[in-house]
Amino acid sequence: MSWLVALAGGIGLGLVSFGGLWLTVRQLAQQPRYRMPFIVSQAGRLVLLTLGFYVLCRAGPAAVICGLAGLLIAKWYLVLTLGKSFSNA
């Protein structure tokens, strides 16, 4: 597996994971009594990240490092883009 594929995989995992967290928190803010969607979302995102990094682990340590870098890039991107919409509210 090339480092570029691992980086793209990490970015994809990060976008799905942190984007899902953003959507879950927004939903929880509107309906604070319903915690089951939060628990299900957390479990799903955790399983997705575990499986994704398991695949990267099988490809070697360089793939894991690139995947983690991609995860951080995705987090940085979402904080910048979603943070603007939050600060304007």
N, C-alpha and C. Protein backbone atom coordinates (compact mmCIF):
# COMPACT_ATOMS: atom_id res chain seq x y z
N MET A 1 0.86 -1.18 0.00
CA MET A 1 0.00 0.00 0.00
C MET A 1 0.90 1.23 0.00
N SER A 2 0.61 2.14 -0.88
CA SER A 2 1.44 3.34 -0.95
C SER A 2 1.05 4.32 0.16
N TRP A 3 1.96 5.23 0.44
CA TRP A 3 1.68 6.19 1.49
C TRP A 3 0.55 7.13 1.11
N LEU A 4 0.39 7.39 -0.19
CA LEU A 4 -0.69 8.26 -0.65
C LEU A 4 -2.06 7.62 -0.43
N VAL A 5 -2.16 6.31 -0.65
CA VAL A 5 -3.41 5.60 -0.40
C VAL A 5 -3.72 5.59 1.10
N ALA A 6 -2.70 5.38 1.91
CA ALA A 6 -2.89 5.39 3.36
C ALA A 6 -3.29 6.77 3.86
N LEU A 7 -2.71 7.81 3.30
CA LEU A 7 -3.07 9.18 3.67
C LEU A 7 -4.52 9.48 3.29
N ALA A 8 -4.90 9.08 2.08
CA ALA A 8 -6.28 9.28 1.63
C ALA A 8 -7.26 8.47 2.49
N GLY A 9 -6.86 7.27 2.87
CA GLY A 9 -7.70 6.47 3.76
C GLY A 9 -7.87 7.12 5.12
N GLY A 10 -6.80 7.68 5.65
CA GLY A 10 -6.88 8.38 6.93
C GLY A 10 -7.76 9.63 6.84
N ILE A 11 -7.66 10.34 5.73
CA ILE A 11 -8.51 11.52 5.54
C ILE A 11 -9.97 11.09 5.46
N GLY A 12 -10.24 10.03 4.74
CA GLY A 12 -11.61 9.53 4.63
C GLY A 12 -12.16 9.08 5.98
N LEU A 13 -11.35 8.34 6.72
CA LEU A 13 -11.78 7.91 8.05
C LEU A 13 -12.03 9.11 8.96
N GLY A 14 -11.18 10.11 8.87
CA GLY A 14 -11.34 11.30 9.70
C GLY A 14 -12.59 12.09 9.34
N LEU A 15 -12.85 12.23 8.05
CA LEU A 15 -14.04 12.97 7.63
C LEU A 15 -15.31 12.28 8.10
N VAL A 16 -15.35 10.96 7.96
CA VAL A 16 -16.53 10.21 8.39
C VAL A 16 -16.65 10.25 9.92
N SER A 17 -15.55 10.04 10.61
CA SER A 17 -15.60 9.98 12.07
C SER A 17 -15.93 11.33 12.69
N PHE A 18 -15.17 12.36 12.35
CA PHE A 18 -15.40 13.67 12.95
C PHE A 18 -16.65 14.34 12.39
N GLY A 19 -16.97 14.09 11.13
CA GLY A 19 -18.22 14.60 10.58
C GLY A 19 -19.43 13.96 11.25
N GLY A 20 -19.33 12.65 11.50
CA GLY A 20 -20.39 11.97 12.22
C GLY A 20 -20.53 12.47 13.64
N LEU A 21 -19.41 12.78 14.28
CA LEU A 21 -19.46 13.34 15.63
C LEU A 21 -20.15 14.70 15.62
N TRP A 22 -19.82 15.52 14.64
CA TRP A 22 -20.45 16.83 14.52
C TRP A 22 -21.97 16.70 14.37
N LEU A 23 -22.40 15.79 13.48
CA LEU A 23 -23.83 15.60 13.28
C LEU A 23 -24.52 15.05 14.53
N THR A 24 -23.85 14.15 15.22
CA THR A 24 -24.43 13.57 16.43
C THR A 24 -24.58 14.61 17.53
N VAL A 25 -23.57 15.44 17.71
CA VAL A 25 -23.64 16.47 18.75
C VAL A 25 -24.72 17.49 18.42
N ARG A 26 -24.85 17.85 17.16
CA ARG A 26 -25.92 18.78 16.78
C ARG A 26 -27.29 18.17 17.07
N GLN A 27 -27.45 16.88 16.77
CA GLN A 27 -28.72 16.22 17.04
C GLN A 27 -28.96 16.11 18.54
N LEU A 28 -27.94 15.83 19.30
CA LEU A 28 -28.07 15.72 20.74
C LEU A 28 -28.41 17.07 21.37
N ALA A 29 -27.90 18.16 20.80
CA ALA A 29 -28.22 19.48 21.32
C ALA A 29 -29.70 19.82 21.12
N GLN A 30 -30.29 19.28 20.06
CA GLN A 30 -31.71 19.54 19.79
C GLN A 30 -32.61 18.63 20.63
N GLN A 31 -32.15 17.41 20.90
CA GLN A 31 -32.94 16.44 21.66
C GLN A 31 -32.08 15.87 22.79
N PRO A 32 -31.89 16.59 23.88
CA PRO A 32 -30.94 16.16 24.91
C PRO A 32 -31.35 14.90 25.65
N ARG A 33 -32.61 14.51 25.61
CA ARG A 33 -33.04 13.34 26.37
C ARG A 33 -32.68 12.02 25.68
N TYR A 34 -32.49 12.06 24.38
CA TYR A 34 -32.27 10.83 23.62
C TYR A 34 -30.78 10.57 23.47
N ARG A 35 -30.26 9.72 24.32
CA ARG A 35 -28.82 9.43 24.29
C ARG A 35 -28.48 8.19 23.50
N MET A 36 -29.49 7.38 23.14
CA MET A 36 -29.20 6.16 22.40
C MET A 36 -28.57 6.45 21.03
N PRO A 37 -29.05 7.45 20.27
CA PRO A 37 -28.36 7.74 19.00
C PRO A 37 -26.89 8.12 19.21
N PHE A 38 -26.59 8.81 20.30
CA PHE A 38 -25.20 9.17 20.58
C PHE A 38 -24.35 7.92 20.83
N ILE A 39 -24.89 6.98 21.61
CA ILE A 39 -24.16 5.76 21.92
C ILE A 39 -23.95 4.92 20.66
N VAL A 40 -24.99 4.80 19.85
CA VAL A 40 -24.88 4.03 18.61
C VAL A 40 -23.90 4.68 17.65
N SER A 41 -23.95 6.00 17.55
CA SER A 41 -23.03 6.72 16.68
C SER A 41 -21.58 6.56 17.15
N GLN A 42 -21.37 6.67 18.45
CA GLN A 42 -20.02 6.51 19.00
C GLN A 42 -19.49 5.11 18.72
N ALA A 43 -20.32 4.11 18.94
CA ALA A 43 -19.89 2.73 18.70
C ALA A 43 -19.59 2.51 17.22
N GLY A 44 -20.43 3.04 16.35
CA GLY A 44 -20.20 2.88 14.91
C GLY A 44 -18.93 3.55 14.44
N ARG A 45 -18.68 4.76 14.93
CA ARG A 45 -17.46 5.46 14.55
C ARG A 45 -16.22 4.76 15.10
N LEU A 46 -16.33 4.22 16.30
CA LEU A 46 -15.21 3.49 16.89
C LEU A 46 -14.90 2.22 16.11
N VAL A 47 -15.93 1.49 15.71
CA VAL A 47 -15.74 0.27 14.91
C VAL A 47 -15.13 0.63 13.56
N LEU A 48 -15.61 1.70 12.93
CA LEU A 48 -15.07 2.11 11.64
C LEU A 48 -13.59 2.47 11.74
N LEU A 49 -13.22 3.24 12.75
CA LEU A 49 -11.82 3.61 12.93
C LEU A 49 -10.95 2.40 13.25
N THR A 50 -11.47 1.50 14.07
CA THR A 50 -10.71 0.30 14.41
C THR A 50 -10.46 -0.55 13.19
N LEU A 51 -11.48 -0.78 12.38
CA LEU A 51 -11.30 -1.58 11.17
C LEU A 51 -10.37 -0.90 10.17
N GLY A 52 -10.53 0.40 10.02
CA GLY A 52 -9.68 1.13 9.10
C GLY A 52 -8.22 1.09 9.50
N PHE A 53 -7.94 1.28 10.77
CA PHE A 53 -6.55 1.25 11.20
C PHE A 53 -6.01 -0.18 11.32
N TYR A 54 -6.89 -1.15 11.44
CA TYR A 54 -6.45 -2.55 11.37
C TYR A 54 -5.90 -2.85 9.98
N VAL A 55 -6.60 -2.37 8.97
CA VAL A 55 -6.13 -2.56 7.59
C VAL A 55 -4.80 -1.84 7.40
N LEU A 56 -4.69 -0.65 7.93
CA LEU A 56 -3.44 0.09 7.80
C LEU A 56 -2.31 -0.59 8.57
N CYS A 57 -2.61 -1.18 9.72
CA CYS A 57 -1.59 -1.89 10.49
C CYS A 57 -1.03 -3.07 9.72
N ARG A 58 -1.88 -3.74 8.98
CA ARG A 58 -1.42 -4.89 8.20
C ARG A 58 -0.51 -4.45 7.05
N ALA A 59 -0.61 -3.18 6.65
CA ALA A 59 0.22 -2.68 5.57
C ALA A 59 1.58 -2.18 6.06
N GLY A 60 1.73 -2.01 7.37
CA GLY A 60 3.02 -1.60 7.90
C GLY A 60 2.95 -0.30 8.68
N PRO A 61 4.04 -0.01 9.39
CA PRO A 61 4.06 1.18 10.24
C PRO A 61 3.99 2.49 9.45
N ALA A 62 4.55 2.53 8.26
CA ALA A 62 4.49 3.76 7.47
C ALA A 62 3.05 4.07 7.07
N ALA A 63 2.26 3.04 6.78
CA ALA A 63 0.86 3.24 6.43
C ALA A 63 0.07 3.77 7.63
N VAL A 64 0.39 3.29 8.82
CA VAL A 64 -0.30 3.75 10.02
C VAL A 64 0.03 5.23 10.28
N ILE A 65 1.28 5.60 10.13
CA ILE A 65 1.68 7.00 10.33
C ILE A 65 1.00 7.90 9.31
N CYS A 66 0.95 7.48 8.06
CA CYS A 66 0.27 8.27 7.03
C CYS A 66 -1.24 8.34 7.30
N GLY A 67 -1.81 7.24 7.77
CA GLY A 67 -3.23 7.24 8.11
C GLY A 67 -3.53 8.19 9.26
N LEU A 68 -2.67 8.19 10.27
CA LEU A 68 -2.86 9.12 11.39
C LEU A 68 -2.70 10.57 10.94
N ALA A 69 -1.75 10.81 10.04
CA ALA A 69 -1.59 12.16 9.50
C ALA A 69 -2.85 12.58 8.74
N GLY A 70 -3.41 11.66 7.96
CA GLY A 70 -4.65 11.95 7.25
C GLY A 70 -5.80 12.22 8.19
N LEU A 71 -5.87 11.47 9.29
CA LEU A 71 -6.91 11.68 10.29
C LEU A 71 -6.80 13.08 10.88
N LEU A 72 -5.59 13.51 11.19
CA LEU A 72 -5.38 14.85 11.74
C LEU A 72 -5.67 15.95 10.72
N ILE A 73 -5.35 15.69 9.45
CA ILE A 73 -5.67 16.66 8.39
C ILE A 73 -7.18 16.84 8.28
N ALA A 74 -7.91 15.73 8.33
CA ALA A 74 -9.37 15.80 8.25
C ALA A 74 -9.94 16.55 9.45
N LYS A 75 -9.40 16.30 10.63
CA LYS A 75 -9.87 17.01 11.83
C LYS A 75 -9.60 18.50 11.70
N TRP A 76 -8.42 18.85 11.26
CA TRP A 76 -8.05 20.25 11.07
C TRP A 76 -9.00 20.92 10.07
N TYR A 77 -9.26 20.25 8.96
CA TYR A 77 -10.14 20.79 7.92
C TYR A 77 -11.55 21.01 8.46
N LEU A 78 -12.09 20.03 9.17
CA LEU A 78 -13.45 20.16 9.69
C LEU A 78 -13.55 21.22 10.78
N VAL A 79 -12.52 21.35 11.60
CA VAL A 79 -12.54 22.41 12.62
C VAL A 79 -12.55 23.78 11.95
N LEU A 80 -11.77 23.94 10.89
CA LEU A 80 -11.75 25.23 10.20
C LEU A 80 -13.07 25.52 9.49
N THR A 81 -13.62 24.54 8.79
CA THR A 81 -14.84 24.79 8.03
C THR A 81 -16.07 24.85 8.92
N LEU A 82 -16.21 23.91 9.85
CA LEU A 82 -17.40 23.90 10.71
C LEU A 82 -17.28 24.94 11.82
N GLY A 83 -16.09 25.28 12.21
CA GLY A 83 -15.90 26.31 13.23
C GLY A 83 -16.35 27.68 12.77
N LYS A 84 -16.20 27.95 11.47
CA LYS A 84 -16.68 29.23 10.93
C LYS A 84 -18.19 29.33 11.04
N SER A 85 -18.87 28.24 10.71
CA SER A 85 -20.34 28.28 10.78
C SER A 85 -20.81 28.37 12.22
N PHE A 86 -20.05 27.81 13.14
CA PHE A 86 -20.41 27.88 14.56
C PHE A 86 -20.19 29.29 15.12
N SER A 87 -19.10 29.93 14.73
CA SER A 87 -18.81 31.25 15.26
C SER A 87 -19.74 32.32 14.68
N ASN A 88 -20.33 32.07 13.52
CA ASN A 88 -21.24 33.02 12.92
C ASN A 88 -22.67 32.88 13.46
N ALA A 89 -22.92 31.84 14.24
CA ALA A 89 -24.29 31.61 14.72
C ALA A 89 -24.69 32.55 15.81
